[in-house]
C-alpha atoms as a PDB file:
ATOM      1  CA  MET A   1     -39.348  -3.989  -6.112  1.00  0.00           C
ATOM      2  CA  LYS A   2     -37.281  -1.124  -7.419  1.00  0.00           C
ATOM      3  CA  ILE A   3     -33.634  -0.917  -6.385  1.00  0.00           C
ATOM      4  CA  SER A   4     -31.391   2.053  -6.857  1.00  0.00           C
ATOM      5  CA  LEU A   5     -27.868   1.088  -7.852  1.00  0.00           C
ATOM      6  CA  LYS A   6     -24.855   3.404  -8.001  1.00  0.00           C
ATOM      7  CA  TYR A   7     -23.315   3.455 -11.508  1.00  0.00           C
ATOM      8  CA  ALA A   8     -20.344   5.755 -12.045  1.00  0.00           C
ATOM      9  CA  LYS A   9     -21.534   9.183 -10.824  1.00  0.00           C
ATOM     10  CA  THR A  10     -25.218   8.400 -11.486  1.00  0.00           C
ATOM     11  CA  LYS A  11     -27.776   5.889 -10.239  1.00  0.00           C
ATOM     12  CA  GLN A  12     -29.596   3.223 -12.220  1.00  0.00           C
ATOM     13  CA  ILE A  13     -32.954   1.782 -11.202  1.00  0.00           C
ATOM     14  CA  ALA A  14     -33.435  -1.952 -11.451  1.00  0.00           C
ATOM     15  CA  GLU A  15     -36.930  -3.468 -11.105  1.00  0.00           C
ATOM     16  CA  ILE A  16     -36.817  -6.994  -9.704  1.00  0.00           C
ATOM     17  CA  PRO A  17     -39.934  -9.120  -8.985  1.00  0.00           C
ATOM     18  CA  GLU A  18     -40.475  -9.671  -5.279  1.00  0.00           C
ATOM     19  CA  SER A  19     -40.484 -13.427  -5.855  1.00  0.00           C
ATOM     20  CA  HIS A  20     -36.827 -13.219  -6.990  1.00  0.00           C
ATOM     21  CA  ILE A  21     -35.682 -11.493  -3.859  1.00  0.00           C
ATOM     22  CA  GLN A  22     -34.431 -13.779  -1.094  1.00  0.00           C
ATOM     23  CA  GLU A  23     -32.735 -11.283   1.204  1.00  0.00           C
ATOM     24  CA  ILE A  24     -31.615  -7.664   1.258  1.00  0.00           C
ATOM     25  CA  ILE A  25     -28.220  -7.099   2.802  1.00  0.00           C
ATOM     26  CA  GLU A  26     -27.017  -3.598   3.698  1.00  0.00           C
ATOM     27  CA  GLY A  27     -23.465  -2.701   4.439  1.00  0.00           C
ATOM     28  CA  ASN A  28     -22.305  -1.032   7.677  1.00  0.00           C
ATOM     29  CA  SER A  29     -21.469   2.618   7.584  1.00  0.00           C
ATOM     30  CA  VAL A  30     -17.774   3.280   7.756  1.00  0.00           C
ATOM     31  CA  VAL A  31     -16.292   6.114   9.795  1.00  0.00           C
ATOM     32  CA  ASN A  32     -12.670   6.814   8.995  1.00  0.00           C
ATOM     33  CA  SER A  33     -10.614   9.517  10.679  1.00  0.00           C
ATOM     34  CA  LYS A  34      -7.894   9.279   8.062  1.00  0.00           C
ATOM     35  CA  THR A  35      -7.657  11.404   4.945  1.00  0.00           C
ATOM     36  CA  GLU A  36      -7.621   9.774   1.444  1.00  0.00           C
ATOM     37  CA  GLU A  37      -3.871  10.575   1.191  1.00  0.00           C
ATOM     38  CA  GLN A  38      -3.120   8.884   4.520  1.00  0.00           C
ATOM     39  CA  ILE A  39      -4.962   5.798   3.504  1.00  0.00           C
ATOM     40  CA  ILE A  40      -3.105   5.597   0.170  1.00  0.00           C
ATOM     41  CA  ASP A  41       0.244   6.217   1.861  1.00  0.00           C
ATOM     42  CA  GLU A  42      -0.458   3.445   4.353  1.00  0.00           C
ATOM     43  CA  ALA A  43      -1.511   1.020   1.570  1.00  0.00           C
ATOM     44  CA  LEU A  44       1.630   1.759  -0.447  1.00  0.00           C
ATOM     45  CA  ALA A  45       3.829   1.317   2.632  1.00  0.00           C
ATOM     46  CA  ASN A  46       2.134  -2.041   3.530  1.00  0.00           C
ATOM     47  CA  PRO A  47       1.119  -3.862   0.307  1.00  0.00           C
ATOM     48  CA  ILE A  48      -0.670  -7.162   0.589  1.00  0.00           C
ATOM     49  CA  ASP A  49       1.196 -10.128  -0.892  1.00  0.00           C
ATOM     50  CA  SER A  50       3.665  -7.901  -2.794  1.00  0.00           C
ATOM     51  CA  PRO A  51       6.955  -6.172  -2.197  1.00  0.00           C
ATOM     52  CA  LYS A  52       6.929  -2.419  -1.654  1.00  0.00           C
ATOM     53  CA  ILE A  53       7.356  -0.248  -4.694  1.00  0.00           C
ATOM     54  CA  SER A  54      10.654   0.998  -3.289  1.00  0.00           C
ATOM     55  CA  ASP A  55      11.925  -2.654  -3.318  1.00  0.00           C
ATOM     56  CA  LEU A  56      10.947  -3.089  -6.945  1.00  0.00           C
ATOM     57  CA  ILE A  57      12.430   0.087  -8.375  1.00  0.00           C
ATOM     58  CA  HIS A  58      16.222   0.753  -8.521  1.00  0.00           C
ATOM     59  CA  PRO A  59      18.196   3.979  -8.751  1.00  0.00           C
ATOM     60  CA  GLY A  60      18.163   5.315 -12.335  1.00  0.00           C
ATOM     61  CA  GLU A  61      14.940   3.504 -13.257  1.00  0.00           C
ATOM     62  CA  LYS A  62      12.029   5.696 -14.355  1.00  0.00           C
ATOM     63  CA  ASN A  63       9.165   3.292 -15.017  1.00  0.00           C
ATOM     64  CA  LEU A  64       7.627   0.399 -13.225  1.00  0.00           C
ATOM     65  CA  CYS A  65       4.777  -1.825 -14.556  1.00  0.00           C
ATOM     66  CA  ARG A  66       3.281  -4.436 -12.341  1.00  0.00           C
ATOM     67  CA  TYR A  67       0.428  -6.692 -13.310  1.00  0.00           C
ATOM     68  CA  SER A  68      -1.449  -9.105 -11.114  1.00  0.00           C
END
Protein backbone atom coordinates (compact mmCIF):
# COMPACT_ATOMS: atom_id res chain seq x y z
CA MET A 1 0.00 0.00 0.00
CA LYS A 2 1.28 3.46 -0.86
CA ILE A 3 0.68 6.15 1.72
CA SER A 4 1.15 9.88 1.12
CA LEU A 5 2.69 11.67 4.10
CA LYS A 6 2.96 15.43 4.49
CA TYR A 7 6.59 16.51 4.94
CA ALA A 8 7.30 20.23 5.31
CA LYS A 9 5.58 21.82 2.30
CA THR A 10 5.76 18.65 0.21
CA LYS A 11 4.54 15.08 0.39
CA GLN A 12 6.52 11.88 0.65
CA ILE A 13 5.25 8.51 -0.50
CA ALA A 14 5.81 5.50 1.75
CA GLU A 15 5.22 1.99 0.47
CA ILE A 16 4.18 -0.40 3.23
CA PRO A 17 3.36 -4.08 2.72
CA GLU A 18 -0.34 -4.81 3.32
CA SER A 19 0.63 -7.49 5.87
CA HIS A 20 2.21 -4.76 8.06
CA ILE A 21 -0.93 -2.62 8.21
CA GLN A 22 -3.22 -3.35 11.12
CA GLU A 23 -5.56 -0.36 10.92
CA ILE A 24 -5.86 2.99 9.16
CA ILE A 25 -6.98 5.84 11.38
CA GLU A 26 -8.09 9.13 9.87
CA GLY A 27 -8.47 12.36 11.83
CA ASN A 28 -11.65 14.37 12.04
CA SER A 29 -11.89 17.52 10.00
CA VAL A 30 -11.60 20.64 12.12
CA VAL A 31 -13.73 23.70 11.52
CA ASN A 32 -12.59 26.78 13.39
CA SER A 33 -14.25 30.16 13.15
CA LYS A 34 -11.31 31.90 14.85
CA THR A 35 -8.42 33.47 13.00
CA GLU A 36 -4.85 32.30 13.58
CA GLU A 37 -4.17 35.53 15.48
CA GLN A 38 -7.17 34.94 17.78
CA ILE A 39 -6.03 31.38 18.52
CA ILE A 40 -2.49 32.55 19.38
CA ASP A 41 -3.80 35.40 21.56
CA GLU A 42 -6.06 32.97 23.43
CA ALA A 43 -3.20 30.49 23.94
CA LEU A 44 -0.89 33.22 25.27
CA ALA A 45 -3.61 34.50 27.61
CA ASN A 46 -4.33 30.98 28.93
CA PRO A 47 -1.10 28.94 28.97
CA ILE A 48 -1.21 25.31 30.07
CA ASP A 49 0.79 24.55 33.24
CA SER A 50 2.75 27.80 33.03
CA PRO A 51 2.42 31.38 34.22
CA LYS A 52 1.42 34.02 31.67
CA ILE A 53 4.27 35.81 29.93
CA SER A 54 3.14 39.05 31.60
CA ASP A 55 3.73 37.36 34.99
CA LEU A 56 7.26 36.30 34.00
CA ILE A 57 8.53 39.59 32.56
CA HIS A 58 9.03 42.69 34.69
CA PRO A 59 9.22 46.39 33.76
CA GLY A 60 12.57 47.24 32.19
CA GLU A 61 13.32 43.68 31.07
CA LYS A 62 13.73 43.16 27.34
CA ASN A 63 14.27 39.41 26.99
CA LEU A 64 12.61 36.27 28.24
CA CYS A 65 13.84 32.73 27.60
CA ARG A 66 11.72 29.83 28.79
CA TYR A 67 12.52 26.18 28.24
CA SER A 68 10.37 23.20 28.97
